[in-house]
Amino acid sequence: LVSTFPVTFNAAEQPSYRVDVPGDGMRATIDPDDFRSGFGAWSGTSFAAPVLSGALAQCLVGGSCGSLDAIDPVSSLTRGWNALSAELGVVRP
């Protein structure tokens, strides 16, 4: 997930390798938490869960996973499985 991030944030990680090149200045590997560009990239379940939740909600509210007219438990469960199937290819047991 790539998102905006404050450019003033000063994180603790450092480049894994740094060398002073005469006449060229300091050269280093990529600093994993250098946010001077105003963007940060993350991965993992804590970032995947809200993205998946949003996709499932869009499917459910958009009506592509079934009619929202019925609000009984069976219809709601069917819509939920339809959303999972549409987004992840999960097959209902």
N, C-alpha and C. Protein backbone atom coordinates (compact mmCIF):
# COMPACT_ATOMS: atom_id res chain seq x y z
N LEU A 1 0.85 -1.16 0.00
CA LEU A 1 0.00 0.00 0.00
C LEU A 1 0.90 1.23 0.00
N VAL A 2 0.65 2.14 -0.90
CA VAL A 2 1.40 3.39 -0.96
C VAL A 2 0.45 4.51 -0.56
N SER A 3 0.90 5.36 0.33
CA SER A 3 0.06 6.46 0.80
C SER A 3 0.92 7.68 1.09
N THR A 4 0.26 8.81 1.23
CA THR A 4 0.98 10.03 1.59
C THR A 4 1.49 9.91 3.02
N PHE A 5 2.55 10.65 3.31
CA PHE A 5 3.16 10.59 4.63
C PHE A 5 3.84 11.92 4.89
N PRO A 6 3.81 12.42 6.12
CA PRO A 6 4.44 13.72 6.41
C PRO A 6 5.93 13.69 6.09
N VAL A 7 6.40 14.68 5.36
CA VAL A 7 7.82 14.74 4.99
C VAL A 7 8.70 15.07 6.19
N THR A 8 8.12 15.54 7.27
CA THR A 8 8.89 15.91 8.46
C THR A 8 9.12 14.73 9.41
N PHE A 9 8.53 13.57 9.10
CA PHE A 9 8.67 12.40 9.96
C PHE A 9 10.12 11.92 9.94
N ASN A 10 10.69 11.72 11.11
CA ASN A 10 12.07 11.25 11.22
C ASN A 10 12.06 9.87 11.86
N ALA A 11 12.26 8.86 11.05
CA ALA A 11 12.20 7.49 11.54
C ALA A 11 13.57 6.99 11.97
N ALA A 12 13.60 5.83 12.62
CA ALA A 12 14.82 5.31 13.23
C ALA A 12 15.70 4.50 12.28
N GLU A 13 15.12 3.90 11.25
CA GLU A 13 15.93 3.05 10.38
C GLU A 13 16.90 3.90 9.58
N GLN A 14 17.99 3.28 9.16
CA GLN A 14 19.02 3.95 8.39
C GLN A 14 19.34 3.09 7.17
N PRO A 15 20.00 3.66 6.16
CA PRO A 15 20.43 2.85 5.03
C PRO A 15 21.31 1.71 5.52
N SER A 16 21.25 0.57 4.83
CA SER A 16 22.03 -0.58 5.28
C SER A 16 23.52 -0.43 4.99
N TYR A 17 23.88 0.43 4.03
CA TYR A 17 25.28 0.64 3.71
C TYR A 17 25.49 2.08 3.29
N ARG A 18 26.55 2.70 3.78
CA ARG A 18 26.85 4.10 3.49
C ARG A 18 28.35 4.25 3.25
N VAL A 19 28.74 5.04 2.25
CA VAL A 19 30.15 5.24 1.96
C VAL A 19 30.36 6.68 1.47
N ASP A 20 31.48 7.26 1.87
CA ASP A 20 31.83 8.61 1.43
C ASP A 20 32.70 8.48 0.18
N VAL A 21 32.16 8.92 -0.96
CA VAL A 21 32.89 8.83 -2.23
C VAL A 21 33.59 10.16 -2.46
N PRO A 22 34.93 10.18 -2.50
CA PRO A 22 35.67 11.43 -2.70
C PRO A 22 35.22 12.13 -3.98
N GLY A 23 34.88 13.40 -3.84
CA GLY A 23 34.44 14.19 -4.96
C GLY A 23 32.97 14.01 -5.32
N ASP A 24 32.33 13.02 -4.74
CA ASP A 24 30.92 12.75 -5.07
C ASP A 24 30.03 12.86 -3.85
N GLY A 25 30.61 12.90 -2.66
CA GLY A 25 29.82 13.00 -1.44
C GLY A 25 29.40 11.64 -0.89
N MET A 26 28.41 11.66 -0.04
CA MET A 26 27.94 10.45 0.62
C MET A 26 27.00 9.67 -0.30
N ARG A 27 27.24 8.37 -0.43
CA ARG A 27 26.38 7.48 -1.20
C ARG A 27 25.86 6.41 -0.25
N ALA A 28 24.61 5.99 -0.45
CA ALA A 28 24.04 5.00 0.46
C ALA A 28 22.97 4.18 -0.24
N THR A 29 22.69 3.03 0.36
CA THR A 29 21.56 2.23 -0.13
C THR A 29 20.27 2.95 0.24
N ILE A 30 19.18 2.45 -0.24
CA ILE A 30 17.88 3.07 0.04
C ILE A 30 17.59 3.02 1.53
N ASP A 31 17.16 4.13 2.07
CA ASP A 31 16.73 4.21 3.47
C ASP A 31 15.27 3.76 3.51
N PRO A 32 14.98 2.64 4.18
CA PRO A 32 13.62 2.09 4.13
C PRO A 32 12.53 2.99 4.73
N ASP A 33 12.90 3.96 5.52
CA ASP A 33 11.86 4.85 6.06
C ASP A 33 12.21 6.32 5.84
N ASP A 34 12.69 6.60 4.63
CA ASP A 34 12.98 7.97 4.22
C ASP A 34 11.72 8.50 3.52
N PHE A 35 11.03 9.42 4.14
CA PHE A 35 9.74 9.89 3.63
C PHE A 35 9.82 11.28 3.02
N ARG A 36 11.02 11.70 2.59
CA ARG A 36 11.16 13.05 2.02
C ARG A 36 10.32 13.25 0.76
N SER A 37 9.93 12.17 0.09
CA SER A 37 9.11 12.29 -1.11
C SER A 37 7.66 12.60 -0.77
N GLY A 38 7.28 12.40 0.49
CA GLY A 38 5.90 12.62 0.89
C GLY A 38 5.05 11.36 0.76
N PHE A 39 5.70 10.23 0.46
CA PHE A 39 4.98 8.96 0.32
C PHE A 39 5.67 7.88 1.14
N GLY A 40 4.91 6.90 1.57
CA GLY A 40 5.45 5.75 2.28
C GLY A 40 4.81 4.50 1.70
N ALA A 41 5.49 3.38 1.78
CA ALA A 41 4.96 2.10 1.30
C ALA A 41 4.97 1.11 2.45
N TRP A 42 3.88 0.41 2.62
CA TRP A 42 3.75 -0.59 3.68
C TRP A 42 3.08 -1.83 3.12
N SER A 43 3.23 -2.92 3.86
CA SER A 43 2.55 -4.15 3.50
C SER A 43 2.21 -4.89 4.78
N GLY A 44 1.44 -5.94 4.64
CA GLY A 44 1.07 -6.75 5.79
C GLY A 44 -0.44 -6.73 6.03
N THR A 45 -0.86 -7.57 6.96
CA THR A 45 -2.29 -7.72 7.20
C THR A 45 -2.94 -6.47 7.76
N SER A 46 -2.19 -5.66 8.51
CA SER A 46 -2.80 -4.46 9.07
C SER A 46 -3.16 -3.45 7.98
N PHE A 47 -2.52 -3.55 6.82
CA PHE A 47 -2.86 -2.69 5.70
C PHE A 47 -3.79 -3.39 4.72
N ALA A 48 -3.70 -4.70 4.62
CA ALA A 48 -4.55 -5.45 3.70
C ALA A 48 -5.99 -5.50 4.18
N ALA A 49 -6.19 -5.61 5.48
CA ALA A 49 -7.55 -5.76 6.03
C ALA A 49 -8.46 -4.58 5.67
N PRO A 50 -8.04 -3.32 5.84
CA PRO A 50 -8.94 -2.23 5.47
C PRO A 50 -9.18 -2.14 3.96
N VAL A 51 -8.18 -2.51 3.16
CA VAL A 51 -8.36 -2.48 1.71
C VAL A 51 -9.39 -3.53 1.30
N LEU A 52 -9.27 -4.74 1.84
CA LEU A 52 -10.24 -5.80 1.55
C LEU A 52 -11.62 -5.42 2.07
N SER A 53 -11.70 -4.87 3.27
CA SER A 53 -12.99 -4.46 3.83
C SER A 53 -13.69 -3.45 2.92
N GLY A 54 -12.93 -2.51 2.40
CA GLY A 54 -13.51 -1.52 1.49
C GLY A 54 -14.01 -2.15 0.21
N ALA A 55 -13.25 -3.10 -0.33
CA ALA A 55 -13.67 -3.78 -1.56
C ALA A 55 -14.93 -4.60 -1.32
N LEU A 56 -15.00 -5.29 -0.18
CA LEU A 56 -16.19 -6.07 0.15
C LEU A 56 -17.40 -5.16 0.35
N ALA A 57 -17.20 -4.05 1.04
CA ALA A 57 -18.30 -3.10 1.27
C ALA A 57 -18.81 -2.54 -0.06
N GLN A 58 -17.89 -2.22 -0.97
CA GLN A 58 -18.29 -1.69 -2.26
C GLN A 58 -19.14 -2.71 -3.02
N CYS A 59 -18.75 -3.96 -2.97
CA CYS A 59 -19.50 -5.03 -3.62
C CYS A 59 -20.88 -5.18 -2.98
N LEU A 60 -20.92 -5.15 -1.65
CA LEU A 60 -22.19 -5.33 -0.94
C LEU A 60 -23.15 -4.17 -1.15
N VAL A 61 -22.65 -2.96 -1.01
CA VAL A 61 -23.50 -1.78 -1.14
C VAL A 61 -23.87 -1.52 -2.59
N GLY A 62 -22.96 -1.84 -3.50
CA GLY A 62 -23.21 -1.61 -4.92
C GLY A 62 -24.26 -2.52 -5.50
N GLY A 63 -24.61 -3.57 -4.79
CA GLY A 63 -25.65 -4.48 -5.27
C GLY A 63 -25.17 -5.57 -6.19
N SER A 64 -23.88 -5.60 -6.52
CA SER A 64 -23.38 -6.62 -7.44
C SER A 64 -23.26 -7.99 -6.77
N CYS A 65 -23.44 -8.05 -5.47
CA CYS A 65 -23.35 -9.32 -4.74
C CYS A 65 -24.72 -9.85 -4.34
N GLY A 66 -25.76 -9.17 -4.78
CA GLY A 66 -27.12 -9.59 -4.46
C GLY A 66 -27.97 -8.39 -4.06
N SER A 67 -29.25 -8.58 -4.12
CA SER A 67 -30.20 -7.51 -3.81
C SER A 67 -30.15 -7.13 -2.33
N LEU A 68 -30.25 -5.84 -2.08
CA LEU A 68 -30.28 -5.34 -0.70
C LEU A 68 -31.71 -5.26 -0.18
N ASP A 69 -32.69 -5.71 -0.97
CA ASP A 69 -34.09 -5.65 -0.54
C ASP A 69 -34.36 -6.58 0.64
N ALA A 70 -33.77 -7.75 0.62
CA ALA A 70 -33.98 -8.72 1.70
C ALA A 70 -32.90 -8.54 2.77
N ILE A 71 -33.31 -8.45 4.03
CA ILE A 71 -32.34 -8.27 5.11
C ILE A 71 -32.34 -9.44 6.09
N ASP A 72 -32.93 -10.56 5.67
CA ASP A 72 -32.95 -11.73 6.54
C ASP A 72 -31.56 -12.36 6.60
N PRO A 73 -31.29 -13.17 7.62
CA PRO A 73 -29.95 -13.75 7.81
C PRO A 73 -29.45 -14.56 6.62
N VAL A 74 -30.33 -15.35 5.99
CA VAL A 74 -29.88 -16.19 4.88
C VAL A 74 -29.45 -15.33 3.68
N SER A 75 -30.24 -14.32 3.35
CA SER A 75 -29.89 -13.43 2.24
C SER A 75 -28.61 -12.66 2.54
N SER A 76 -28.46 -12.21 3.78
CA SER A 76 -27.26 -11.47 4.17
C SER A 76 -26.02 -12.35 4.07
N LEU A 77 -26.13 -13.59 4.52
CA LEU A 77 -25.01 -14.53 4.45
C LEU A 77 -24.66 -14.83 2.99
N THR A 78 -25.66 -15.00 2.16
CA THR A 78 -25.42 -15.25 0.74
C THR A 78 -24.70 -14.08 0.10
N ARG A 79 -25.13 -12.85 0.40
CA ARG A 79 -24.45 -11.67 -0.14
C ARG A 79 -22.99 -11.62 0.33
N GLY A 80 -22.76 -11.96 1.59
CA GLY A 80 -21.40 -11.97 2.12
C GLY A 80 -20.51 -12.96 1.39
N TRP A 81 -21.02 -14.16 1.16
CA TRP A 81 -20.25 -15.16 0.42
C TRP A 81 -20.04 -14.72 -1.03
N ASN A 82 -21.05 -14.09 -1.62
CA ASN A 82 -20.89 -13.58 -2.99
C ASN A 82 -19.79 -12.53 -3.06
N ALA A 83 -19.71 -11.67 -2.05
CA ALA A 83 -18.67 -10.64 -2.01
C ALA A 83 -17.29 -11.28 -1.89
N LEU A 84 -17.15 -12.25 -0.99
CA LEU A 84 -15.87 -12.95 -0.83
C LEU A 84 -15.47 -13.67 -2.11
N SER A 85 -16.45 -14.28 -2.75
CA SER A 85 -16.18 -14.99 -3.99
C SER A 85 -15.74 -14.03 -5.09
N ALA A 86 -16.42 -12.88 -5.18
CA ALA A 86 -16.08 -11.89 -6.21
C ALA A 86 -14.70 -11.29 -5.99
N GLU A 87 -14.35 -11.01 -4.75
CA GLU A 87 -13.07 -10.36 -4.47
C GLU A 87 -11.89 -11.31 -4.34
N LEU A 88 -12.13 -12.48 -3.76
CA LEU A 88 -11.02 -13.40 -3.47
C LEU A 88 -11.12 -14.75 -4.16
N GLY A 89 -12.24 -15.01 -4.80
CA GLY A 89 -12.42 -16.31 -5.41
C GLY A 89 -12.72 -17.40 -4.40
N VAL A 90 -13.13 -17.01 -3.18
CA VAL A 90 -13.44 -17.99 -2.13
C VAL A 90 -14.74 -18.70 -2.50
N VAL A 91 -14.73 -20.01 -2.38
CA VAL A 91 -15.91 -20.81 -2.68
C VAL A 91 -16.60 -21.17 -1.38
N ARG A 92 -17.91 -20.98 -1.38
CA ARG A 92 -18.70 -21.29 -0.16
C ARG A 92 -18.67 -22.80 0.09
N PRO A 93 -18.40 -23.19 1.33
CA PRO A 93 -18.34 -24.62 1.65
C PRO A 93 -19.71 -25.27 1.56
